[in-house]
Every structure is written in structure tokens, then in C-alpha cells.
Amino acid sequence: FVTDSLNHAIRKITPGGSVSTIAGL
């Protein structure tokens, strides 16, 4: 789980490397 600071969003990366946004726009 990553704080993507200048996107103002919280991202998730699965063990296989797939990235999604779980919170924030």
C-alpha cells in the first residue's frame, strides 16, 4: 500500500505487480 502523495491518493500493488487506487481521486 502506497501513499501517492502528489496524486493525493492511496494505491495498492498486488504481489504480481498490478496497481489500483483504493482511496482518493
PDB file of all heavy atoms in Angstrom:
ATOM      1  N   PHE A   1       0.856  -1.176   0.000  1.00  0.00           N
ATOM      2  CA  PHE A   1       0.000   0.000   0.000  1.00  0.00           C
ATOM      3  C   PHE A   1       0.899   1.235   0.000  1.00  0.00           C
ATOM      4  O   PHE A   1       1.857   1.315   0.778  1.00  0.00           O
ATOM      5  CB  PHE A   1      -0.934  -0.016   1.199  1.00  0.00           C
ATOM      6  CG  PHE A   1      -1.931  -1.149   1.156  1.00  0.00           C
ATOM      7  CD1 PHE A   1      -1.596  -2.398   1.654  1.00  0.00           C
ATOM      8  CD2 PHE A   1      -3.172  -0.968   0.588  1.00  0.00           C
ATOM      9  CE1 PHE A   1      -2.500  -3.458   1.587  1.00  0.00           C
ATOM     10  CE2 PHE A   1      -4.087  -2.017   0.518  1.00  0.00           C
ATOM     11  CZ  PHE A   1      -3.752  -3.262   1.020  1.00  0.00           C
ATOM     12  N   VAL A   2       0.593   2.169  -0.875  1.00  0.00           N
ATOM     13  CA  VAL A   2       1.480   3.299  -1.149  1.00  0.00           C
ATOM     14  C   VAL A   2       0.722   4.610  -0.992  1.00  0.00           C
ATOM     15  O   VAL A   2      -0.404   4.752  -1.505  1.00  0.00           O
ATOM     16  CB  VAL A   2       2.046   3.206  -2.588  1.00  0.00           C
ATOM     17  CG1 VAL A   2       2.984   4.381  -2.869  1.00  0.00           C
ATOM     18  CG2 VAL A   2       2.748   1.877  -2.815  1.00  0.00           C
ATOM     19  N   THR A   3       1.338   5.565  -0.287  1.00  0.00           N
ATOM     20  CA  THR A   3       0.797   6.920  -0.291  1.00  0.00           C
ATOM     21  C   THR A   3       1.392   7.650  -1.494  1.00  0.00           C
ATOM     22  O   THR A   3       2.577   7.958  -1.530  1.00  0.00           O
ATOM     23  CB  THR A   3       1.133   7.667   1.014  1.00  0.00           C
ATOM     24  OG1 THR A   3       2.528   7.546   1.285  1.00  0.00           O
ATOM     25  CG2 THR A   3       0.350   7.116   2.182  1.00  0.00           C
ATOM     26  N   ASP A   4       0.547   7.889  -2.472  1.00  0.00           N
ATOM     27  CA  ASP A   4       0.957   8.545  -3.721  1.00  0.00           C
ATOM     28  C   ASP A   4       0.730  10.038  -3.502  1.00  0.00           C
ATOM     29  O   ASP A   4      -0.312  10.592  -3.861  1.00  0.00           O
ATOM     30  CB  ASP A   4       0.115   7.974  -4.853  1.00  0.00           C
ATOM     31  CG  ASP A   4       0.679   8.298  -6.224  1.00  0.00           C
ATOM     32  OD1 ASP A   4       1.760   8.887  -6.305  1.00  0.00           O
ATOM     33  OD2 ASP A   4       0.012   7.952  -7.223  1.00  0.00           O
ATOM     34  N   SER A   5       1.734  10.697  -2.916  1.00  0.00           N
ATOM     35  CA  SER A   5       1.489  11.981  -2.255  1.00  0.00           C
ATOM     36  C   SER A   5       1.001  13.093  -3.169  1.00  0.00           C
ATOM     37  O   SER A   5       0.061  13.813  -2.830  1.00  0.00           O
ATOM     38  CB  SER A   5       2.745  12.421  -1.500  1.00  0.00           C
ATOM     39  OG  SER A   5       3.808  12.659  -2.385  1.00  0.00           O
ATOM     40  N   LEU A   6       1.617  13.274  -4.327  1.00  0.00           N
ATOM     41  CA  LEU A   6       1.199  14.379  -5.188  1.00  0.00           C
ATOM     42  C   LEU A   6      -0.011  14.021  -6.049  1.00  0.00           C
ATOM     43  O   LEU A   6      -0.565  14.892  -6.729  1.00  0.00           O
ATOM     44  CB  LEU A   6       2.369  14.856  -6.051  1.00  0.00           C
ATOM     45  CG  LEU A   6       3.522  15.498  -5.274  1.00  0.00           C
ATOM     46  CD1 LEU A   6       4.568  16.055  -6.217  1.00  0.00           C
ATOM     47  CD2 LEU A   6       3.016  16.596  -4.336  1.00  0.00           C
ATOM     48  N   ASN A   7      -0.418  12.758  -6.018  1.00  0.00           N
ATOM     49  CA  ASN A   7      -1.720  12.385  -6.584  1.00  0.00           C
ATOM     50  C   ASN A   7      -2.813  12.441  -5.534  1.00  0.00           C
ATOM     51  O   ASN A   7      -3.995  12.265  -5.863  1.00  0.00           O
ATOM     52  CB  ASN A   7      -1.665  10.974  -7.184  1.00  0.00           C
ATOM     53  CG  ASN A   7      -1.171  10.966  -8.614  1.00  0.00           C
ATOM     54  OD1 ASN A   7      -1.434  11.891  -9.382  1.00  0.00           O
ATOM     55  ND2 ASN A   7      -0.439   9.924  -8.983  1.00  0.00           N
ATOM     56  N   HIS A   8      -2.429  12.636  -4.257  1.00  0.00           N
ATOM     57  CA  HIS A   8      -3.385  12.710  -3.148  1.00  0.00           C
ATOM     58  C   HIS A   8      -4.243  11.444  -3.095  1.00  0.00           C
ATOM     59  O   HIS A   8      -5.459  11.508  -2.895  1.00  0.00           O
ATOM     60  CB  HIS A   8      -4.276  13.948  -3.277  1.00  0.00           C
ATOM     61  CG  HIS A   8      -3.523  15.195  -3.625  1.00  0.00           C
ATOM     62  ND1 HIS A   8      -2.607  15.780  -2.779  1.00  0.00           N
ATOM     63  CD2 HIS A   8      -3.512  15.953  -4.758  1.00  0.00           C
ATOM     64  CE1 HIS A   8      -2.079  16.847  -3.357  1.00  0.00           C
ATOM     65  NE2 HIS A   8      -2.603  16.969  -4.559  1.00  0.00           N
ATOM     66  N   ALA A   9      -3.595  10.297  -3.281  1.00  0.00           N
ATOM     67  CA  ALA A   9      -4.326   9.034  -3.373  1.00  0.00           C
ATOM     68  C   ALA A   9      -3.567   7.919  -2.670  1.00  0.00           C
ATOM     69  O   ALA A   9      -2.354   8.007  -2.443  1.00  0.00           O
ATOM     70  CB  ALA A   9      -4.557   8.661  -4.837  1.00  0.00           C
ATOM     71  N   ILE A  10      -4.286   6.848  -2.344  1.00  0.00           N
ATOM     72  CA  ILE A  10      -3.706   5.654  -1.744  1.00  0.00           C
ATOM     73  C   ILE A  10      -3.812   4.537  -2.771  1.00  0.00           C
ATOM     74  O   ILE A  10      -4.894   4.236  -3.274  1.00  0.00           O
ATOM     75  CB  ILE A  10      -4.436   5.252  -0.446  1.00  0.00           C
ATOM     76  CG1 ILE A  10      -4.603   6.467   0.482  1.00  0.00           C
ATOM     77  CG2 ILE A  10      -3.682   4.120   0.242  1.00  0.00           C
ATOM     78  CD1 ILE A  10      -3.323   7.153   0.881  1.00  0.00           C
ATOM     79  N   ARG A  11      -2.672   3.929  -3.069  1.00  0.00           N
ATOM     80  CA  ARG A  11      -2.612   2.907  -4.115  1.00  0.00           C
ATOM     81  C   ARG A  11      -2.305   1.535  -3.508  1.00  0.00           C
ATOM     82  O   ARG A  11      -1.720   1.431  -2.430  1.00  0.00           O
ATOM     83  CB  ARG A  11      -1.521   3.251  -5.137  1.00  0.00           C
ATOM     84  CG  ARG A  11      -1.463   4.711  -5.578  1.00  0.00           C
ATOM     85  CD  ARG A  11      -2.649   5.112  -6.446  1.00  0.00           C
ATOM     86  NE  ARG A  11      -2.624   4.482  -7.762  1.00  0.00           N
ATOM     87  CZ  ARG A  11      -1.892   4.916  -8.795  1.00  0.00           C
ATOM     88  NH1 ARG A  11      -1.082   5.958  -8.647  1.00  0.00           N
ATOM     89  NH2 ARG A  11      -1.951   4.296  -9.974  1.00  0.00           N
ATOM     90  N   LYS A  12      -2.679   0.495  -4.221  1.00  0.00           N
ATOM     91  CA  LYS A  12      -2.411  -0.887  -3.818  1.00  0.00           C
ATOM     92  C   LYS A  12      -1.680  -1.600  -4.946  1.00  0.00           C
ATOM     93  O   LYS A  12      -2.038  -1.456  -6.117  1.00  0.00           O
ATOM     94  CB  LYS A  12      -3.720  -1.618  -3.498  1.00  0.00           C
ATOM     95  CG  LYS A  12      -3.542  -3.087  -3.131  1.00  0.00           C
ATOM     96  CD  LYS A  12      -4.893  -3.758  -2.875  1.00  0.00           C
ATOM     97  CE  LYS A  12      -4.730  -5.240  -2.569  1.00  0.00           C
ATOM     98  NZ  LYS A  12      -6.042  -5.907  -2.306  1.00  0.00           N
ATOM     99  N   ILE A  13      -0.647  -2.371  -4.577  1.00  0.00           N
ATOM    100  CA  ILE A  13       0.102  -3.164  -5.550  1.00  0.00           C
ATOM    101  C   ILE A  13       0.031  -4.628  -5.116  1.00  0.00           C
ATOM    102  O   ILE A  13       0.459  -4.976  -4.014  1.00  0.00           O
ATOM    103  CB  ILE A  13       1.575  -2.732  -5.642  1.00  0.00           C
ATOM    104  CG1 ILE A  13       1.692  -1.220  -5.855  1.00  0.00           C
ATOM    105  CG2 ILE A  13       2.281  -3.482  -6.764  1.00  0.00           C
ATOM    106  CD1 ILE A  13       3.117  -0.701  -5.798  1.00  0.00           C
ATOM    107  N   THR A  14      -0.499  -5.482  -5.944  1.00  0.00           N
ATOM    108  CA  THR A  14      -0.573  -6.900  -5.633  1.00  0.00           C
ATOM    109  C   THR A  14       0.814  -7.530  -5.768  1.00  0.00           C
ATOM    110  O   THR A  14       1.723  -6.936  -6.374  1.00  0.00           O
ATOM    111  CB  THR A  14      -1.542  -7.615  -6.580  1.00  0.00           C
ATOM    112  OG1 THR A  14      -0.995  -7.585  -7.908  1.00  0.00           O
ATOM    113  CG2 THR A  14      -2.915  -6.960  -6.567  1.00  0.00           C
ATOM    114  N   PRO A  15       1.003  -8.748  -5.216  1.00  0.00           N
ATOM    115  CA  PRO A  15       2.306  -9.407  -5.371  1.00  0.00           C
ATOM    116  C   PRO A  15       2.722  -9.579  -6.829  1.00  0.00           C
ATOM    117  O   PRO A  15       3.920  -9.639  -7.137  1.00  0.00           O
ATOM    118  CB  PRO A  15       2.097 -10.759  -4.687  1.00  0.00           C
ATOM    119  CG  PRO A  15       1.039 -10.490  -3.672  1.00  0.00           C
ATOM    120  CD  PRO A  15       0.114  -9.498  -4.315  1.00  0.00           C
ATOM    121  N   GLY A  16       1.744  -9.628  -7.745  1.00  0.00           N
ATOM    122  CA  GLY A  16       2.055  -9.757  -9.163  1.00  0.00           C
ATOM    123  C   GLY A  16       2.354  -8.445  -9.859  1.00  0.00           C
ATOM    124  O   GLY A  16       2.641  -8.422 -11.063  1.00  0.00           O
ATOM    125  N   GLY A  17       2.276  -7.302  -9.106  1.00  0.00           N
ATOM    126  CA  GLY A  17       2.639  -6.008  -9.670  1.00  0.00           C
ATOM    127  C   GLY A  17       1.501  -5.212 -10.264  1.00  0.00           C
ATOM    128  O   GLY A  17       1.733  -4.205 -10.936  1.00  0.00           O
ATOM    129  N   SER A  18       0.248  -5.628 -10.002  1.00  0.00           N
ATOM    130  CA  SER A  18      -0.903  -4.891 -10.526  1.00  0.00           C
ATOM    131  C   SER A  18      -1.262  -3.751  -9.572  1.00  0.00           C
ATOM    132  O   SER A  18      -1.453  -3.961  -8.367  1.00  0.00           O
ATOM    133  CB  SER A  18      -2.100  -5.829 -10.683  1.00  0.00           C
ATOM    134  OG  SER A  18      -3.228  -5.129 -11.155  1.00  0.00           O
ATOM    135  N   VAL A  19      -1.355  -2.532 -10.112  1.00  0.00           N
ATOM    136  CA  VAL A  19      -1.583  -1.331  -9.309  1.00  0.00           C
ATOM    137  C   VAL A  19      -3.024  -0.856  -9.470  1.00  0.00           C
ATOM    138  O   VAL A  19      -3.537  -0.756 -10.590  1.00  0.00           O
ATOM    139  CB  VAL A  19      -0.627  -0.205  -9.730  1.00  0.00           C
ATOM    140  CG1 VAL A  19      -0.882   1.061  -8.917  1.00  0.00           C
ATOM    141  CG2 VAL A  19       0.823  -0.650  -9.582  1.00  0.00           C
ATOM    142  N   SER A  20      -3.672  -0.555  -8.335  1.00  0.00           N
ATOM    143  CA  SER A  20      -5.015   0.031  -8.349  1.00  0.00           C
ATOM    144  C   SER A  20      -5.071   1.160  -7.320  1.00  0.00           C
ATOM    145  O   SER A  20      -4.194   1.281  -6.457  1.00  0.00           O
ATOM    146  CB  SER A  20      -6.073  -1.032  -8.029  1.00  0.00           C
ATOM    147  OG  SER A  20      -5.845  -1.597  -6.745  1.00  0.00           O
ATOM    148  N   THR A  21      -6.093   1.989  -7.429  1.00  0.00           N
ATOM    149  CA  THR A  21      -6.301   3.090  -6.479  1.00  0.00           C
ATOM    150  C   THR A  21      -7.436   2.699  -5.547  1.00  0.00           C
ATOM    151  O   THR A  21      -8.538   2.395  -6.005  1.00  0.00           O
ATOM    152  CB  THR A  21      -6.647   4.386  -7.213  1.00  0.00           C
ATOM    153  OG1 THR A  21      -5.584   4.717  -8.119  1.00  0.00           O
ATOM    154  CG2 THR A  21      -6.850   5.533  -6.240  1.00  0.00           C
ATOM    155  N   ILE A  22      -7.162   2.701  -4.220  1.00  0.00           N
ATOM    156  CA  ILE A  22      -8.207   2.277  -3.287  1.00  0.00           C
ATOM    157  C   ILE A  22      -8.911   3.442  -2.611  1.00  0.00           C
ATOM    158  O   ILE A  22     -10.038   3.292  -2.139  1.00  0.00           O
ATOM    159  CB  ILE A  22      -7.657   1.312  -2.226  1.00  0.00           C
ATOM    160  CG1 ILE A  22      -6.655   2.013  -1.308  1.00  0.00           C
ATOM    161  CG2 ILE A  22      -7.035   0.080  -2.872  1.00  0.00           C
ATOM    162  CD1 ILE A  22      -6.315   1.204  -0.058  1.00  0.00           C
ATOM    163  N   ALA A  23      -8.291   4.614  -2.558  1.00  0.00           N
ATOM    164  CA  ALA A  23      -8.923   5.750  -1.893  1.00  0.00           C
ATOM    165  C   ALA A  23      -8.329   7.049  -2.417  1.00  0.00           C
ATOM    166  O   ALA A  23      -7.142   7.131  -2.707  1.00  0.00           O
ATOM    167  CB  ALA A  23      -8.746   5.662  -0.385  1.00  0.00           C
ATOM    168  N   GLY A  24      -9.186   8.056  -2.520  1.00  0.00           N
ATOM    169  CA  GLY A  24      -8.766   9.341  -3.053  1.00  0.00           C
ATOM    170  C   GLY A  24      -8.962   9.408  -4.551  1.00  0.00           C
ATOM    171  O   GLY A  24      -9.169   8.380  -5.218  1.00  0.00           O
ATOM    172  N   LEU A  25      -8.922  10.621  -5.082  1.00  0.00           N
ATOM    173  CA  LEU A  25      -9.086  10.848  -6.520  1.00  0.00           C
ATOM    174  C   LEU A  25      -7.835  11.548  -7.029  1.00  0.00           C
ATOM    175  O   LEU A  25      -7.495  12.644  -6.574  1.00  0.00           O
ATOM    176  CB  LEU A  25     -10.335  11.698  -6.793  1.00  0.00           C
ATOM    177  CG  LEU A  25     -10.686  11.927  -8.258  1.00  0.00           C
ATOM    178  CD1 LEU A  25     -10.993  10.598  -8.954  1.00  0.00           C
ATOM    179  CD2 LEU A  25     -11.877  12.873  -8.375  1.00  0.00           C
TER     180      LEU A  25
END
